[in-house]
């Protein structure tokens, strides 16, 4: 078999696989609407029962309590650090403003003298 023949046979096989997959994925569900609704209700009830048993499991509740406690501690720590950083920044800014004001006072006096002398 030549190269063209192998290429065409491979292409045909791939097309058949693609069409088969599309048919399988898109085939019609032959259940009635009532059967579909019943299946949905049953799976929903099973899901709720599973979630309820997980939530009432003592290890899950304990784990959730521990996680909430750690989250609370981390939040307190973060707020404390943020408060300390803000306090430090405000203090530094206040010192910078005071230093700038002290530096400006002699300049203001010189400006006042210059204005008075010029009159």
N, C-alpha and C. Protein backbone atom coordinates (compact mmCIF):
# COMPACT_ATOMS: atom_id res chain seq x y z
N UNK A 1 0.86 -1.18 0.00
CA UNK A 1 0.00 0.00 0.00
C UNK A 1 0.90 1.23 0.00
N UNK A 2 0.57 2.18 -0.82
CA UNK A 2 1.40 3.37 -0.91
C UNK A 2 1.03 4.38 0.19
N UNK A 3 1.79 5.43 0.24
CA UNK A 3 1.62 6.45 1.29
C UNK A 3 0.26 7.11 1.21
N UNK A 4 -0.20 7.40 0.00
CA UNK A 4 -1.50 8.05 -0.17
C UNK A 4 -2.62 7.14 0.32
N UNK A 5 -2.51 5.85 0.04
CA UNK A 5 -3.52 4.89 0.49
C UNK A 5 -3.56 4.80 2.01
N UNK A 6 -2.39 4.79 2.66
CA UNK A 6 -2.35 4.75 4.14
C UNK A 6 -2.93 6.04 4.73
N UNK A 7 -2.61 7.14 4.12
CA UNK A 7 -3.12 8.43 4.59
C UNK A 7 -4.64 8.48 4.48
N UNK A 8 -5.17 8.03 3.35
CA UNK A 8 -6.62 8.04 3.16
C UNK A 8 -7.31 7.08 4.13
N UNK A 9 -6.75 5.88 4.32
CA UNK A 9 -7.36 4.93 5.24
C UNK A 9 -7.31 5.45 6.68
N UNK A 10 -6.23 6.12 7.06
CA UNK A 10 -6.13 6.71 8.40
C UNK A 10 -7.17 7.82 8.56
N UNK A 11 -7.34 8.62 7.52
CA UNK A 11 -8.33 9.70 7.58
C UNK A 11 -9.73 9.14 7.70
N UNK A 12 -10.04 8.08 6.97
CA UNK A 12 -11.36 7.46 7.04
C UNK A 12 -11.61 6.89 8.44
N UNK A 13 -10.63 6.22 9.01
CA UNK A 13 -10.77 5.65 10.35
C UNK A 13 -10.99 6.77 11.37
N UNK A 14 -10.22 7.84 11.26
CA UNK A 14 -10.38 8.97 12.18
C UNK A 14 -11.77 9.60 12.04
N UNK A 15 -12.25 9.73 10.80
CA UNK A 15 -13.59 10.28 10.60
C UNK A 15 -14.65 9.38 11.21
N UNK A 16 -14.50 8.09 11.06
CA UNK A 16 -15.45 7.16 11.67
C UNK A 16 -15.44 7.27 13.20
N UNK A 17 -14.27 7.42 13.76
CA UNK A 17 -14.17 7.57 15.23
C UNK A 17 -14.84 8.87 15.66
N UNK A 18 -14.62 9.94 14.92
CA UNK A 18 -15.23 11.24 15.26
C UNK A 18 -16.75 11.15 15.16
N UNK A 19 -17.25 10.55 14.09
CA UNK A 19 -18.70 10.42 13.92
C UNK A 19 -19.30 9.52 15.00
N UNK A 20 -18.62 8.46 15.36
CA UNK A 20 -19.12 7.56 16.41
C UNK A 20 -19.17 8.28 17.75
N UNK A 21 -18.14 9.04 18.05
CA UNK A 21 -18.11 9.79 19.31
C UNK A 21 -19.21 10.84 19.34
N UNK A 22 -19.40 11.54 18.22
CA UNK A 22 -20.46 12.55 18.16
C UNK A 22 -21.82 11.90 18.32
N UNK A 23 -22.03 10.76 17.71
CA UNK A 23 -23.30 10.07 17.83
C UNK A 23 -23.54 9.63 19.27
N UNK A 24 -22.51 9.08 19.92
CA UNK A 24 -22.67 8.63 21.30
C UNK A 24 -22.97 9.80 22.24
N UNK A 25 -22.30 10.91 22.02
CA UNK A 25 -22.50 12.06 22.90
C UNK A 25 -23.82 12.78 22.65
N UNK A 26 -24.36 12.66 21.45
CA UNK A 26 -25.58 13.39 21.11
C UNK A 26 -26.81 12.50 20.94
N UNK A 27 -26.69 11.25 21.27
CA UNK A 27 -27.85 10.37 21.07
C UNK A 27 -29.00 10.80 21.97
N UNK A 28 -30.16 10.49 21.57
CA UNK A 28 -31.37 10.92 22.25
C UNK A 28 -31.59 10.10 23.53
N UNK A 29 -31.89 10.81 24.60
CA UNK A 29 -32.23 10.14 25.86
C UNK A 29 -33.69 9.70 25.75
N UNK A 30 -33.94 8.41 25.83
CA UNK A 30 -35.28 7.87 25.57
C UNK A 30 -36.17 7.85 26.82
N UNK A 31 -35.69 8.44 27.91
CA UNK A 31 -36.53 8.47 29.11
C UNK A 31 -37.62 9.52 28.94
N UNK A 32 -38.73 9.30 29.63
CA UNK A 32 -39.82 10.27 29.61
C UNK A 32 -39.46 11.42 30.55
N UNK A 33 -40.12 12.55 30.39
CA UNK A 33 -39.84 13.67 31.30
C UNK A 33 -40.06 13.29 32.77
N UNK A 34 -41.05 12.45 33.03
CA UNK A 34 -41.31 12.03 34.41
C UNK A 34 -40.15 11.21 34.96
N UNK A 35 -39.58 10.35 34.10
CA UNK A 35 -38.44 9.54 34.54
C UNK A 35 -37.22 10.42 34.80
N UNK A 36 -37.01 11.39 33.95
CA UNK A 36 -35.89 12.32 34.14
C UNK A 36 -36.07 13.11 35.43
N UNK A 37 -37.29 13.58 35.70
CA UNK A 37 -37.56 14.33 36.93
C UNK A 37 -37.36 13.45 38.15
N UNK A 38 -37.82 12.22 38.08
CA UNK A 38 -37.64 11.29 39.19
C UNK A 38 -36.16 11.02 39.47
N UNK A 39 -35.38 10.87 38.42
CA UNK A 39 -33.94 10.64 38.59
C UNK A 39 -33.28 11.87 39.22
N UNK A 40 -33.69 13.06 38.79
CA UNK A 40 -33.12 14.29 39.34
C UNK A 40 -33.47 14.43 40.82
N UNK A 41 -34.71 14.11 41.17
CA UNK A 41 -35.13 14.19 42.58
C UNK A 41 -34.36 13.19 43.42
N UNK A 42 -34.22 11.98 42.92
CA UNK A 42 -33.48 10.96 43.68
C UNK A 42 -32.02 11.33 43.86
N UNK A 43 -31.38 11.85 42.82
CA UNK A 43 -29.98 12.22 42.96
C UNK A 43 -29.84 13.43 43.87
N UNK A 44 -30.81 14.34 43.83
CA UNK A 44 -30.77 15.50 44.73
C UNK A 44 -30.92 15.08 46.17
N UNK A 45 -31.83 14.15 46.44
CA UNK A 45 -32.01 13.66 47.81
C UNK A 45 -30.75 12.95 48.30
N UNK A 46 -30.12 12.18 47.44
CA UNK A 46 -28.89 11.49 47.83
C UNK A 46 -27.77 12.49 48.11
N UNK A 47 -27.70 13.53 47.31
CA UNK A 47 -26.67 14.55 47.50
C UNK A 47 -26.89 15.29 48.82
N UNK A 48 -28.13 15.64 49.12
CA UNK A 48 -28.43 16.32 50.39
C UNK A 48 -28.12 15.41 51.57
N UNK A 49 -28.46 14.16 51.47
CA UNK A 49 -28.17 13.22 52.56
C UNK A 49 -26.68 13.08 52.78
N UNK A 50 -25.92 13.02 51.71
CA UNK A 50 -24.46 12.91 51.82
C UNK A 50 -23.87 14.17 52.44
N UNK A 51 -24.33 15.34 52.00
CA UNK A 51 -23.82 16.60 52.54
C UNK A 51 -24.19 16.73 54.01
N UNK A 52 -25.39 16.32 54.37
CA UNK A 52 -25.82 16.40 55.77
C UNK A 52 -24.97 15.50 56.65
N UNK A 53 -24.68 14.31 56.18
CA UNK A 53 -23.86 13.41 56.99
C UNK A 53 -22.44 13.95 57.13
N UNK A 54 -21.94 14.60 56.09
CA UNK A 54 -20.60 15.20 56.18
C UNK A 54 -20.59 16.36 57.17
N UNK A 55 -21.64 17.17 57.14
CA UNK A 55 -21.68 18.34 58.02
C UNK A 55 -21.91 17.96 59.48
N UNK A 56 -22.60 16.87 59.73
CA UNK A 56 -22.86 16.47 61.11
C UNK A 56 -21.77 15.56 61.66
N UNK A 57 -20.83 15.17 60.82
CA UNK A 57 -19.71 14.36 61.28
C UNK A 57 -18.89 15.20 62.25
N UNK A 58 -18.56 14.64 63.42
CA UNK A 58 -17.88 15.40 64.47
C UNK A 58 -16.51 15.88 64.03
N UNK A 59 -15.81 15.11 63.21
CA UNK A 59 -14.49 15.55 62.77
C UNK A 59 -14.60 16.76 61.84
N UNK A 60 -15.66 16.81 61.01
CA UNK A 60 -15.85 17.95 60.12
C UNK A 60 -16.18 19.19 60.93
N UNK A 61 -17.05 19.04 61.91
CA UNK A 61 -17.43 20.18 62.76
C UNK A 61 -16.20 20.67 63.53
N UNK A 62 -15.43 19.74 64.06
CA UNK A 62 -14.23 20.11 64.80
C UNK A 62 -13.24 20.81 63.88
N UNK A 63 -13.07 20.29 62.67
CA UNK A 63 -12.15 20.91 61.71
C UNK A 63 -12.62 22.32 61.35
N UNK A 64 -13.91 22.48 61.17
CA UNK A 64 -14.45 23.80 60.84
C UNK A 64 -14.23 24.77 62.00
N UNK A 65 -14.43 24.29 63.22
CA UNK A 65 -14.20 25.15 64.38
C UNK A 65 -12.75 25.56 64.50
N UNK A 66 -11.85 24.62 64.27
CA UNK A 66 -10.42 24.92 64.32
C UNK A 66 -10.05 25.92 63.24
N UNK A 67 -10.59 25.71 62.03
CA UNK A 67 -10.29 26.63 60.93
C UNK A 67 -10.81 28.04 61.22
N UNK A 68 -12.01 28.13 61.79
CA UNK A 68 -12.55 29.45 62.14
C UNK A 68 -11.73 30.11 63.24
N UNK A 69 -11.28 29.33 64.20
CA UNK A 69 -10.45 29.87 65.27
C UNK A 69 -9.13 30.41 64.71
N UNK A 70 -8.52 29.64 63.82
CA UNK A 70 -7.26 30.09 63.22
C UNK A 70 -7.48 31.33 62.37
N UNK A 71 -8.59 31.36 61.65
CA UNK A 71 -8.90 32.53 60.83
C UNK A 71 -9.08 33.77 61.71
N UNK A 72 -9.76 33.58 62.85
CA UNK A 72 -9.95 34.70 63.77
C UNK A 72 -8.63 35.20 64.33
N UNK A 73 -7.76 34.27 64.72
CA UNK A 73 -6.44 34.65 65.25
C UNK A 73 -5.62 35.38 64.20
N UNK A 74 -5.66 34.87 62.97
CA UNK A 74 -4.91 35.50 61.89
C UNK A 74 -5.44 36.90 61.61
N UNK A 75 -6.76 37.07 61.69
CA UNK A 75 -7.36 38.39 61.45
C UNK A 75 -6.95 39.37 62.54
N UNK A 76 -6.99 38.92 63.79
CA UNK A 76 -6.57 39.79 64.90
C UNK A 76 -5.12 40.20 64.73
N UNK A 77 -4.27 39.25 64.37
CA UNK A 77 -2.86 39.54 64.17
C UNK A 77 -2.66 40.53 63.02
N UNK A 78 -3.37 40.32 61.93
CA UNK A 78 -3.23 41.20 60.77
C UNK A 78 -3.71 42.62 61.10
N UNK A 79 -4.82 42.72 61.81
CA UNK A 79 -5.34 44.04 62.17
C UNK A 79 -4.37 44.74 63.12
N UNK A 80 -3.80 43.99 64.06
CA UNK A 80 -2.83 44.56 64.99
C UNK A 80 -1.61 45.08 64.26
N UNK A 81 -1.10 44.27 63.33
CA UNK A 81 0.08 44.69 62.56
C UNK A 81 -0.24 45.90 61.70
N UNK A 82 -1.42 45.91 61.11
CA UNK A 82 -1.82 47.05 60.28
C UNK A 82 -1.95 48.31 61.13
N UNK A 83 -2.49 48.16 62.34
CA UNK A 83 -2.60 49.31 63.24
C UNK A 83 -1.24 49.84 63.65
N UNK A 84 -0.31 48.92 63.95
CA UNK A 84 1.05 49.35 64.31
C UNK A 84 1.72 50.07 63.15
N UNK A 85 1.56 49.53 61.95
CA UNK A 85 2.17 50.15 60.78
C UNK A 85 1.55 51.52 60.52
N UNK A 86 0.25 51.64 60.68
CA UNK A 86 -0.42 52.93 60.46
C UNK A 86 0.03 53.94 61.50
N UNK A 87 0.14 53.51 62.74
CA UNK A 87 0.59 54.40 63.81
C UNK A 87 2.01 54.89 63.54
N UNK A 88 2.87 53.97 63.12
CA UNK A 88 4.25 54.34 62.80
C UNK A 88 4.30 55.31 61.63
N UNK A 89 3.50 55.06 60.61
CA UNK A 89 3.48 55.95 59.44
C UNK A 89 2.96 57.33 59.81
N UNK A 90 1.94 57.39 60.66
CA UNK A 90 1.40 58.69 61.08
C UNK A 90 2.43 59.44 61.91
N UNK A 91 3.12 58.73 62.79
CA UNK A 91 4.15 59.36 63.61
C UNK A 91 5.27 59.92 62.74
N UNK A 92 5.72 59.15 61.77
CA UNK A 92 6.78 59.63 60.88
C UNK A 92 6.31 60.82 60.06
N UNK A 93 5.09 60.76 59.58
CA UNK A 93 4.55 61.87 58.80
C UNK A 93 4.45 63.13 59.65
N UNK A 94 4.03 62.96 60.91
CA UNK A 94 3.93 64.10 61.82
C UNK A 94 5.30 64.72 62.07
N UNK A 95 6.30 63.87 62.27
CA UNK A 95 7.67 64.37 62.48
C UNK A 95 8.17 65.10 61.24
N UNK A 96 7.86 64.57 60.05
CA UNK A 96 8.28 65.20 58.81
C UNK A 96 7.61 66.56 58.64
N UNK A 97 6.33 66.66 58.98
CA UNK A 97 5.62 67.94 58.87
C UNK A 97 6.20 68.95 59.85
N UNK A 98 6.49 68.51 61.08
CA UNK A 98 7.07 69.41 62.08
C UNK A 98 8.44 69.90 61.64
N UNK A 99 9.27 68.98 61.10
CA UNK A 99 10.61 69.36 60.64
C UNK A 99 10.50 70.35 59.49
N UNK A 100 9.57 70.14 58.58
CA UNK A 100 9.39 71.05 57.46
C UNK A 100 8.93 72.41 57.95
N UNK A 101 8.05 72.42 58.93
CA UNK A 101 7.58 73.70 59.48
C UNK A 101 8.72 74.43 60.18
N UNK A 102 9.53 73.69 60.95
CA UNK A 102 10.67 74.32 61.62
C UNK A 102 11.66 74.87 60.60
N UNK A 103 11.85 74.17 59.51
CA UNK A 103 12.76 74.62 58.45
C UNK A 103 12.20 75.85 57.73
N UNK A 104 10.90 75.97 57.66
CA UNK A 104 10.26 77.06 56.93
C UNK A 104 10.25 78.35 57.74
N UNK A 105 10.28 78.27 59.08
CA UNK A 105 10.18 79.47 59.92
C UNK A 105 11.29 80.48 59.62
N UNK A 106 12.57 80.07 59.56
CA UNK A 106 13.60 81.08 59.22
C UNK A 106 13.38 81.69 57.84
N UNK A 107 12.92 80.89 56.91
CA UNK A 107 12.67 81.40 55.56
C UNK A 107 11.56 82.45 55.59
N UNK A 108 10.53 82.20 56.39
CA UNK A 108 9.44 83.17 56.51
C UNK A 108 9.93 84.48 57.13
N UNK A 109 10.80 84.37 58.14
CA UNK A 109 11.35 85.58 58.77
C UNK A 109 12.17 86.38 57.77
N UNK A 110 12.99 85.68 56.98
CA UNK A 110 13.79 86.37 55.98
C UNK A 110 12.91 87.04 54.94
N UNK A 111 11.84 86.37 54.54
CA UNK A 111 10.92 86.95 53.57
C UNK A 111 10.25 88.20 54.15
N UNK A 112 9.87 88.13 55.44
CA UNK A 112 9.21 89.26 56.07
C UNK A 112 10.17 90.45 56.15
N UNK A 113 11.42 90.19 56.51
CA UNK A 113 12.42 91.26 56.59
C UNK A 113 12.65 91.88 55.22
N UNK A 114 12.72 91.05 54.22
CA UNK A 114 12.96 91.55 52.87
C UNK A 114 11.81 92.44 52.41
N UNK A 115 10.58 92.04 52.76
CA UNK A 115 9.42 92.82 52.36
C UNK A 115 9.41 94.15 53.09
N UNK A 116 9.74 94.12 54.38
CA UNK A 116 9.72 95.34 55.17
C UNK A 116 10.81 96.30 54.72
N UNK A 117 11.96 95.78 54.37
CA UNK A 117 13.07 96.63 53.93
C UNK A 117 12.78 97.28 52.59
N UNK A 118 12.03 96.62 51.80
CA UNK A 118 11.73 97.12 50.45
C UNK A 118 10.71 98.22 50.47
N UNK A 119 9.97 98.38 51.53
CA UNK A 119 8.93 99.41 51.56
C UNK A 119 9.50 100.71 51.85
